[in-house]
PDB file of N, CA and C in Angstrom:
ATOM      1  N   UNK A   1      20.833   1.072   6.324  1.00  0.00           N
ATOM      2  CA  UNK A   1      19.652   0.253   6.086  1.00  0.00           C
ATOM      3  C   UNK A   1      18.463   1.153   5.748  1.00  0.00           C
ATOM      4  N   UNK A   2      17.705   0.749   4.765  1.00  0.00           N
ATOM      5  CA  UNK A   2      16.555   1.531   4.324  1.00  0.00           C
ATOM      6  C   UNK A   2      15.404   1.421   5.324  1.00  0.00           C
ATOM      7  N   UNK A   3      14.700   2.529   5.527  1.00  0.00           N
ATOM      8  CA  UNK A   3      13.556   2.559   6.437  1.00  0.00           C
ATOM      9  C   UNK A   3      12.419   1.724   5.873  1.00  0.00           C
ATOM     10  N   UNK A   4      11.809   0.850   6.689  1.00  0.00           N
ATOM     11  CA  UNK A   4      10.654   0.085   6.221  1.00  0.00           C
ATOM     12  C   UNK A   4       9.521   1.026   5.817  1.00  0.00           C
ATOM     13  N   UNK A   5       8.733   0.587   4.851  1.00  0.00           N
ATOM     14  CA  UNK A   5       7.678   1.414   4.285  1.00  0.00           C
ATOM     15  C   UNK A   5       6.322   0.723   4.422  1.00  0.00           C
ATOM     16  N   UNK A   6       5.331   1.482   4.859  1.00  0.00           N
ATOM     17  CA  UNK A   6       3.940   1.043   4.844  1.00  0.00           C
ATOM     18  C   UNK A   6       3.297   1.731   3.652  1.00  0.00           C
ATOM     19  N   UNK A   7       2.645   0.951   2.804  1.00  0.00           N
ATOM     20  CA  UNK A   7       2.021   1.475   1.593  1.00  0.00           C
ATOM     21  C   UNK A   7       0.506   1.444   1.746  1.00  0.00           C
ATOM     22  N   UNK A   8      -0.109   2.610   1.583  1.00  0.00           N
ATOM     23  CA  UNK A   8      -1.565   2.739   1.642  1.00  0.00           C
ATOM     24  C   UNK A   8      -2.054   2.975   0.218  1.00  0.00           C
ATOM     25  N   UNK A   9      -2.997   2.153  -0.228  1.00  0.00           N
ATOM     26  CA  UNK A   9      -3.518   2.267  -1.597  1.00  0.00           C
ATOM     27  C   UNK A   9      -5.031   2.439  -1.521  1.00  0.00           C
ATOM     28  N   UNK A  10      -5.505   3.591  -1.970  1.00  0.00           N
ATOM     29  CA  UNK A  10      -6.950   3.843  -1.962  1.00  0.00           C
ATOM     30  C   UNK A  10      -7.257   4.953  -2.952  1.00  0.00           C
ATOM     31  N   UNK A  11      -8.338   4.808  -3.685  1.00  0.00           N
ATOM     32  CA  UNK A  11      -8.740   5.847  -4.624  1.00  0.00           C
ATOM     33  C   UNK A  11      -9.477   6.984  -3.929  1.00  0.00           C
ATOM     34  N   UNK A  12      -9.811   6.825  -2.656  1.00  0.00           N
ATOM     35  CA  UNK A  12     -10.471   7.855  -1.868  1.00  0.00           C
ATOM     36  C   UNK A  12      -9.399   8.599  -1.058  1.00  0.00           C
ATOM     37  N   UNK A  13      -9.093   9.821  -1.456  1.00  0.00           N
ATOM     38  CA  UNK A  13      -8.022  10.593  -0.830  1.00  0.00           C
ATOM     39  C   UNK A  13      -8.260  10.805   0.669  1.00  0.00           C
ATOM     40  N   UNK A  14      -9.514  10.949   1.087  1.00  0.00           N
ATOM     41  CA  UNK A  14      -9.815  11.162   2.502  1.00  0.00           C
ATOM     42  C   UNK A  14      -9.418   9.931   3.326  1.00  0.00           C
ATOM     43  N   UNK A  15      -9.677   8.755   2.807  1.00  0.00           N
ATOM     44  CA  UNK A  15      -9.310   7.515   3.500  1.00  0.00           C
ATOM     45  C   UNK A  15      -7.792   7.394   3.579  1.00  0.00           C
ATOM     46  N   UNK A  16      -7.111   7.685   2.479  1.00  0.00           N
ATOM     47  CA  UNK A  16      -5.645   7.617   2.466  1.00  0.00           C
ATOM     48  C   UNK A  16      -5.039   8.582   3.479  1.00  0.00           C
ATOM     49  N   UNK A  17      -5.560   9.809   3.517  1.00  0.00           N
ATOM     50  CA  UNK A  17      -5.044  10.800   4.474  1.00  0.00           C
ATOM     51  C   UNK A  17      -5.267  10.354   5.911  1.00  0.00           C
ATOM     52  N   UNK A  18      -6.434   9.795   6.200  1.00  0.00           N
ATOM     53  CA  UNK A  18      -6.734   9.331   7.552  1.00  0.00           C
ATOM     54  C   UNK A  18      -5.771   8.215   7.957  1.00  0.00           C
ATOM     55  N   UNK A  19      -5.581   7.238   7.094  1.00  0.00           N
ATOM     56  CA  UNK A  19      -4.659   6.132   7.397  1.00  0.00           C
ATOM     57  C   UNK A  19      -3.239   6.645   7.589  1.00  0.00           C
ATOM     58  N   UNK A  20      -2.806   7.559   6.729  1.00  0.00           N
ATOM     59  CA  UNK A  20      -1.455   8.118   6.836  1.00  0.00           C
ATOM     60  C   UNK A  20      -1.295   8.890   8.146  1.00  0.00           C
ATOM     61  N   UNK A  21      -2.316   9.617   8.532  1.00  0.00           N
ATOM     62  CA  UNK A  21      -2.263  10.374   9.787  1.00  0.00           C
ATOM     63  C   UNK A  21      -2.151   9.423  10.983  1.00  0.00           C
ATOM     64  N   UNK A  22      -2.884   8.331  10.958  1.00  0.00           N
ATOM     65  CA  UNK A  22      -2.828   7.351  12.049  1.00  0.00           C
ATOM     66  C   UNK A  22      -1.427   6.753  12.165  1.00  0.00           C
ATOM     67  N   UNK A  23      -0.786   6.501  11.020  1.00  0.00           N
ATOM     68  CA  UNK A  23       0.536   5.870  11.012  1.00  0.00           C
ATOM     69  C   UNK A  23       1.693   6.844  11.173  1.00  0.00           C
ATOM     70  N   UNK A  24       1.431   8.132  11.077  1.00  0.00           N
ATOM     71  CA  UNK A  24       2.493   9.138  11.180  1.00  0.00           C
ATOM     72  C   UNK A  24       3.205   9.024  12.520  1.00  0.00           C
ATOM     73  N   UNK A  25       4.519   9.208  12.479  1.00  0.00           N
ATOM     74  CA  UNK A  25       5.305   9.171  13.706  1.00  0.00           C
ATOM     75  C   UNK A  25       5.764   7.787  14.122  1.00  0.00           C
ATOM     76  N   UNK A  26       5.361   6.770  13.403  1.00  0.00           N
ATOM     77  CA  UNK A  26       5.843   5.419  13.687  1.00  0.00           C
ATOM     78  C   UNK A  26       7.233   5.270  13.081  1.00  0.00           C
ATOM     79  N   UNK A  27       7.898   4.192  13.379  1.00  0.00           N
ATOM     80  CA  UNK A  27       9.256   3.950  12.872  1.00  0.00           C
ATOM     81  C   UNK A  27       9.221   3.378  11.462  1.00  0.00           C
ATOM     82  N   UNK A  28       8.479   4.050  10.585  1.00  0.00           N
ATOM     83  CA  UNK A  28       8.392   3.598   9.200  1.00  0.00           C
ATOM     84  C   UNK A  28       8.059   4.794   8.313  1.00  0.00           C
ATOM     85  N   UNK A  29       8.349   4.617   7.058  1.00  0.00           N
ATOM     86  CA  UNK A  29       7.955   5.603   6.058  1.00  0.00           C
ATOM     87  C   UNK A  29       6.539   5.242   5.608  1.00  0.00           C
ATOM     88  N   UNK A  30       5.683   6.223   5.469  1.00  0.00           N
ATOM     89  CA  UNK A  30       4.315   5.981   4.993  1.00  0.00           C
ATOM     90  C   UNK A  30       4.202   6.563   3.596  1.00  0.00           C
ATOM     91  N   UNK A  31       3.831   5.730   2.635  1.00  0.00           N
ATOM     92  CA  UNK A  31       3.632   6.176   1.254  1.00  0.00           C
ATOM     93  C   UNK A  31       2.180   5.917   0.877  1.00  0.00           C
ATOM     94  N   UNK A  32       1.634   6.788   0.055  1.00  0.00           N
ATOM     95  CA  UNK A  32       0.242   6.681  -0.389  1.00  0.00           C
ATOM     96  C   UNK A  32       0.224   6.579  -1.904  1.00  0.00           C
ATOM     97  N   UNK A  33      -0.572   5.645  -2.410  1.00  0.00           N
ATOM     98  CA  UNK A  33      -0.787   5.507  -3.849  1.00  0.00           C
ATOM     99  C   UNK A  33      -2.283   5.603  -4.114  1.00  0.00           C
ATOM    100  N   UNK A  34      -2.650   6.338  -5.161  1.00  0.00           N
ATOM    101  CA  UNK A  34      -4.063   6.527  -5.486  1.00  0.00           C
ATOM    102  C   UNK A  34      -4.604   5.424  -6.383  1.00  0.00           C
ATOM    103  N   UNK A  35      -3.735   4.549  -6.869  1.00  0.00           N
ATOM    104  CA  UNK A  35      -4.172   3.468  -7.744  1.00  0.00           C
ATOM    105  C   UNK A  35      -3.125   2.375  -7.828  1.00  0.00           C
ATOM    106  N   UNK A  36      -3.471   1.308  -8.503  1.00  0.00           N
ATOM    107  CA  UNK A  36      -2.604   0.131  -8.555  1.00  0.00           C
ATOM    108  C   UNK A  36      -1.324   0.331  -9.352  1.00  0.00           C
ATOM    109  N   UNK A  37      -1.351   1.102 -10.421  1.00  0.00           N
ATOM    110  CA  UNK A  37      -0.122   1.298 -11.194  1.00  0.00           C
ATOM    111  C   UNK A  37       0.967   1.926 -10.319  1.00  0.00           C
ATOM    112  N   UNK A  38       0.607   2.963  -9.599  1.00  0.00           N
ATOM    113  CA  UNK A  38       1.557   3.617  -8.701  1.00  0.00           C
ATOM    114  C   UNK A  38       1.961   2.683  -7.563  1.00  0.00           C
ATOM    115  N   UNK A  39       1.000   1.931  -7.020  1.00  0.00           N
ATOM    116  CA  UNK A  39       1.287   1.009  -5.919  1.00  0.00           C
ATOM    117  C   UNK A  39       2.282  -0.073  -6.345  1.00  0.00           C
ATOM    118  N   UNK A  40       2.097  -0.632  -7.508  1.00  0.00           N
ATOM    119  CA  UNK A  40       2.997  -1.688  -7.984  1.00  0.00           C
ATOM    120  C   UNK A  40       4.402  -1.127  -8.186  1.00  0.00           C
ATOM    121  N   UNK A  41       4.504   0.077  -8.703  1.00  0.00           N
ATOM    122  CA  UNK A  41       5.823   0.707  -8.853  1.00  0.00           C
ATOM    123  C   UNK A  41       6.502   0.875  -7.492  1.00  0.00           C
ATOM    124  N   UNK A  42       5.756   1.341  -6.492  1.00  0.00           N
ATOM    125  CA  UNK A  42       6.321   1.522  -5.161  1.00  0.00           C
ATOM    126  C   UNK A  42       6.686   0.194  -4.507  1.00  0.00           C
ATOM    127  N   UNK A  43       5.900  -0.841  -4.762  1.00  0.00           N
ATOM    128  CA  UNK A  43       6.223  -2.168  -4.225  1.00  0.00           C
ATOM    129  C   UNK A  43       7.586  -2.646  -4.706  1.00  0.00           C
ATOM    130  N   UNK A  44       7.893  -2.329  -5.938  1.00  0.00           N
ATOM    131  CA  UNK A  44       9.163  -2.760  -6.512  1.00  0.00           C
ATOM    132  C   UNK A  44      10.312  -1.858  -6.052  1.00  0.00           C
ATOM    133  N   UNK A  45      10.050  -0.555  -5.929  1.00  0.00           N
ATOM    134  CA  UNK A  45      11.113   0.410  -5.633  1.00  0.00           C
ATOM    135  C   UNK A  45      11.432   0.548  -4.150  1.00  0.00           C
ATOM    136  N   UNK A  46      10.465   0.428  -3.273  1.00  0.00           N
ATOM    137  CA  UNK A  46      10.646   0.709  -1.846  1.00  0.00           C
ATOM    138  C   UNK A  46      10.759  -0.568  -1.035  1.00  0.00           C
ATOM    139  N   UNK A  47      11.170  -0.431   0.213  1.00  0.00           N
ATOM    140  CA  UNK A  47      11.239  -1.561   1.155  1.00  0.00           C
ATOM    141  C   UNK A  47       9.876  -1.678   1.851  1.00  0.00           C
ATOM    142  N   UNK A  48       8.866  -2.076   1.089  1.00  0.00           N
ATOM    143  CA  UNK A  48       7.498  -2.166   1.615  1.00  0.00           C
ATOM    144  C   UNK A  48       7.384  -3.409   2.494  1.00  0.00           C
ATOM    145  N   UNK A  49       6.947  -3.183   3.744  1.00  0.00           N
ATOM    146  CA  UNK A  49       6.769  -4.297   4.671  1.00  0.00           C
ATOM    147  C   UNK A  49       5.291  -4.589   4.929  1.00  0.00           C
ATOM    148  N   UNK A  50       4.425  -3.626   4.574  1.00  0.00           N
ATOM    149  CA  UNK A  50       2.995  -3.831   4.803  1.00  0.00           C
ATOM    150  C   UNK A  50       2.209  -3.012   3.797  1.00  0.00           C
ATOM    151  N   UNK A  51       1.170  -3.618   3.237  1.00  0.00           N
ATOM    152  CA  UNK A  51       0.300  -2.934   2.283  1.00  0.00           C
ATOM    153  C   UNK A  51      -1.119  -2.942   2.840  1.00  0.00           C
ATOM    154  N   UNK A  52      -1.712  -1.764   2.918  1.00  0.00           N
ATOM    155  CA  UNK A  52      -3.124  -1.626   3.281  1.00  0.00           C
ATOM    156  C   UNK A  52      -3.812  -1.087   2.043  1.00  0.00           C
ATOM    157  N   UNK A  53      -4.636  -1.912   1.419  1.00  0.00           N
ATOM    158  CA  UNK A  53      -5.224  -1.501   0.143  1.00  0.00           C
ATOM    159  C   UNK A  53      -6.738  -1.661   0.129  1.00  0.00           C
ATOM    160  N   UNK A  54      -7.366  -0.724  -0.536  1.00  0.00           N
ATOM    161  CA  UNK A  54      -8.783  -0.831  -0.848  1.00  0.00           C
ATOM    162  C   UNK A  54      -8.909  -1.948  -1.885  1.00  0.00           C
ATOM    163  N   UNK A  55      -9.856  -2.814  -1.718  1.00  0.00           N
ATOM    164  CA  UNK A  55     -10.014  -3.924  -2.652  1.00  0.00           C
ATOM    165  C   UNK A  55     -10.815  -3.500  -3.873  1.00  0.00           C
ATOM    166  N   UNK A  56     -11.833  -2.698  -3.673  1.00  0.00           N
ATOM    167  CA  UNK A  56     -12.699  -2.314  -4.784  1.00  0.00           C
ATOM    168  C   UNK A  56     -12.376  -0.893  -5.237  1.00  0.00           C
ATOM    169  N   UNK A  57     -11.596  -0.805  -6.324  1.00  0.00           N
ATOM    170  CA  UNK A  57     -11.236   0.482  -6.915  1.00  0.00           C
ATOM    171  C   UNK A  57     -11.478   0.402  -8.412  1.00  0.00           C
ATOM    172  N   UNK A  58     -11.667   1.545  -9.055  1.00  0.00           N
ATOM    173  CA  UNK A  58     -11.815   1.530 -10.510  1.00  0.00           C
ATOM    174  C   UNK A  58     -10.518   1.076 -11.182  1.00  0.00           C
ATOM    175  N   UNK A  59     -10.641   0.509 -12.349  1.00  0.00           N
ATOM    176  CA  UNK A  59      -9.456   0.008 -13.051  1.00  0.00           C
ATOM    177  C   UNK A  59      -8.955  -1.253 -12.377  1.00  0.00           C
ATOM    178  N   UNK A  60      -7.658  -1.313 -12.146  1.00  0.00           N
ATOM    179  CA  UNK A  60      -7.099  -2.476 -11.456  1.00  0.00           C
ATOM    180  C   UNK A  60      -7.367  -2.331  -9.967  1.00  0.00           C
ATOM    181  N   UNK A  61      -8.041  -3.318  -9.409  1.00  0.00           N
ATOM    182  CA  UNK A  61      -8.431  -3.238  -8.005  1.00  0.00           C
ATOM    183  C   UNK A  61      -7.311  -3.726  -7.084  1.00  0.00           C
ATOM    184  N   UNK A  62      -7.599  -3.759  -5.790  1.00  0.00           N
ATOM    185  CA  UNK A  62      -6.611  -4.139  -4.790  1.00  0.00           C
ATOM    186  C   UNK A  62      -6.047  -5.529  -4.950  1.00  0.00           C
ATOM    187  N   UNK A  63      -6.815  -6.419  -5.545  1.00  0.00           N
ATOM    188  CA  UNK A  63      -6.312  -7.780  -5.737  1.00  0.00           C
ATOM    189  C   UNK A  63      -5.146  -7.815  -6.724  1.00  0.00           C
ATOM    190  N   UNK A  64      -5.005  -6.819  -7.572  1.00  0.00           N
ATOM    191  CA  UNK A  64      -3.901  -6.775  -8.531  1.00  0.00           C
ATOM    192  C   UNK A  64      -2.552  -6.597  -7.840  1.00  0.00           C
ATOM    193  N   UNK A  65      -2.554  -6.089  -6.624  1.00  0.00           N
ATOM    194  CA  UNK A  65      -1.292  -5.884  -5.904  1.00  0.00           C
ATOM    195  C   UNK A  65      -0.702  -7.190  -5.391  1.00  0.00           C
ATOM    196  N   UNK A  66      -1.536  -8.176  -5.170  1.00  0.00           N
ATOM    197  CA  UNK A  66      -1.022  -9.424  -4.573  1.00  0.00           C
ATOM    198  C   UNK A  66       0.034 -10.096  -5.436  1.00  0.00           C
ATOM    199  N   UNK A  67      -0.225 -10.393  -6.706  1.00  0.00           N
ATOM    200  CA  UNK A  67       0.823 -11.026  -7.509  1.00  0.00           C
ATOM    201  C   UNK A  67       2.073 -10.162  -7.629  1.00  0.00           C
ATOM    202  N   UNK A  68       1.898  -8.852  -7.727  1.00  0.00           N
ATOM    203  CA  UNK A  68       3.056  -7.956  -7.833  1.00  0.00           C
ATOM    204  C   UNK A  68       3.865  -7.975  -6.545  1.00  0.00           C
ATOM    205  N   UNK A  69       3.200  -8.003  -5.409  1.00  0.00           N
ATOM    206  CA  UNK A  69       3.921  -7.997  -4.140  1.00  0.00           C
ATOM    207  C   UNK A  69       4.693  -9.292  -3.932  1.00  0.00           C
ATOM    208  N   UNK A  70       4.192 -10.376  -4.465  1.00  0.00           N
ATOM    209  CA  UNK A  70       4.907 -11.651  -4.339  1.00  0.00           C
ATOM    210  C   UNK A  70       6.172 -11.664  -5.190  1.00  0.00           C
ATOM    211  N   UNK A  71       6.185 -10.884  -6.274  1.00  0.00           N
ATOM    212  CA  UNK A  71       7.370 -10.782  -7.126  1.00  0.00           C
ATOM    213  C   UNK A  71       8.322  -9.690  -6.671  1.00  0.00           C
ATOM    214  N   UNK A  72       7.822  -8.776  -5.827  1.00  0.00           N
ATOM    215  CA  UNK A  72       8.648  -7.648  -5.376  1.00  0.00           C
ATOM    216  C   UNK A  72       9.706  -8.156  -4.399  1.00  0.00           C
ATOM    217  N   UNK A  73      10.967  -7.918  -4.699  1.00  0.00           N
ATOM    218  CA  UNK A  73      12.034  -8.477  -3.883  1.00  0.00           C
ATOM    219  C   UNK A  73      12.090  -7.937  -2.464  1.00  0.00           C
ATOM    220  N   UNK A  74      11.522  -6.772  -2.235  1.00  0.00           N
ATOM    221  CA  UNK A  74      11.625  -6.152  -0.917  1.00  0.00           C
ATOM    222  C   UNK A  74      10.392  -6.356  -0.044  1.00  0.00           C
ATOM    223  N   UNK A  75       9.290  -6.765  -0.603  1.00  0.00           N
ATOM    224  CA  UNK A  75       8.058  -6.904   0.181  1.00  0.00           C
ATOM    225  C   UNK A  75       8.182  -8.109   1.097  1.00  0.00           C
ATOM    226  N   UNK A  76       8.246  -7.863   2.395  1.00  0.00           N
ATOM    227  CA  UNK A  76       8.437  -8.958   3.333  1.00  0.00           C
ATOM    228  C   UNK A  76       7.172  -9.276   4.120  1.00  0.00           C
ATOM    229  N   UNK A  77       6.181  -8.399   4.061  1.00  0.00           N
ATOM    230  CA  UNK A  77       4.939  -8.641   4.782  1.00  0.00           C
ATOM    231  C   UNK A  77       3.831  -7.908   4.053  1.00  0.00           C
ATOM    232  N   UNK A  78       2.670  -8.542   3.974  1.00  0.00           N
ATOM    233  CA  UNK A  78       1.567  -7.904   3.270  1.00  0.00           C
ATOM    234  C   UNK A  78       0.276  -8.058   4.073  1.00  0.00           C
ATOM    235  N   UNK A  79      -0.518  -7.030   4.074  1.00  0.00           N
ATOM    236  CA  UNK A  79      -1.826  -7.087   4.695  1.00  0.00           C
ATOM    237  C   UNK A  79      -2.856  -6.559   3.718  1.00  0.00           C
ATOM    238  N   UNK A  80      -4.050  -7.063   3.811  1.00  0.00           N
ATOM    239  CA  UNK A  80      -5.070  -6.676   2.834  1.00  0.00           C
ATOM    240  C   UNK A  80      -6.338  -6.306   3.563  1.00  0.00           C
ATOM    241  N   UNK A  81      -6.935  -5.216   3.160  1.00  0.00           N
ATOM    242  CA  UNK A  81      -8.176  -4.765   3.768  1.00  0.00           C
ATOM    243  C   UNK A  81      -8.999  -4.063   2.716  1.00  0.00           C
ATOM    244  N   UNK A  82     -10.194  -3.669   3.068  1.00  0.00           N
ATOM    245  CA  UNK A  82     -10.993  -2.884   2.150  1.00  0.00           C
ATOM    246  C   UNK A  82     -12.399  -3.404   1.958  1.00  0.00           C
ATOM    247  N   UNK A  83     -12.741  -4.523   2.563  1.00  0.00           N
ATOM    248  CA  UNK A  83     -14.105  -5.015   2.412  1.00  0.00           C
ATOM    249  C   UNK A  83     -15.033  -4.161   3.248  1.00  0.00           C
ATOM    250  N   UNK A  84     -16.179  -3.785   2.688  1.00  0.00           N
ATOM    251  CA  UNK A  84     -17.118  -2.972   3.468  1.00  0.00           C
ATOM    252  C   UNK A  84     -17.612  -3.734   4.688  1.00  0.00           C
ATOM    253  N   UNK A  85     -17.812  -2.987   5.756  1.00  0.00           N
ATOM    254  CA  UNK A  85     -18.267  -3.608   7.007  1.00  0.00           C
ATOM    255  C   UNK A  85     -19.759  -3.439   7.134  1.00  0.00           C
TER     256      UNK A  85
END
């Protein structure tokens, strides 16, 4: 059985590294994508169970992942974040 994957999508490398560090050592694979094109490819290729994405990014923003994740056969759970507090 393939290891579940958490996908972090953010154009800010420091934020991606921090999130990946927090999730390190859990019973999942952590993958980081710097933009939506890479994220959509990983959604289709990996057993992604959760997506943490920045909503406001240059080019295709975080909202572009939602339709792709609904078509991705392996995505079983999705989470969305990124609104400024």
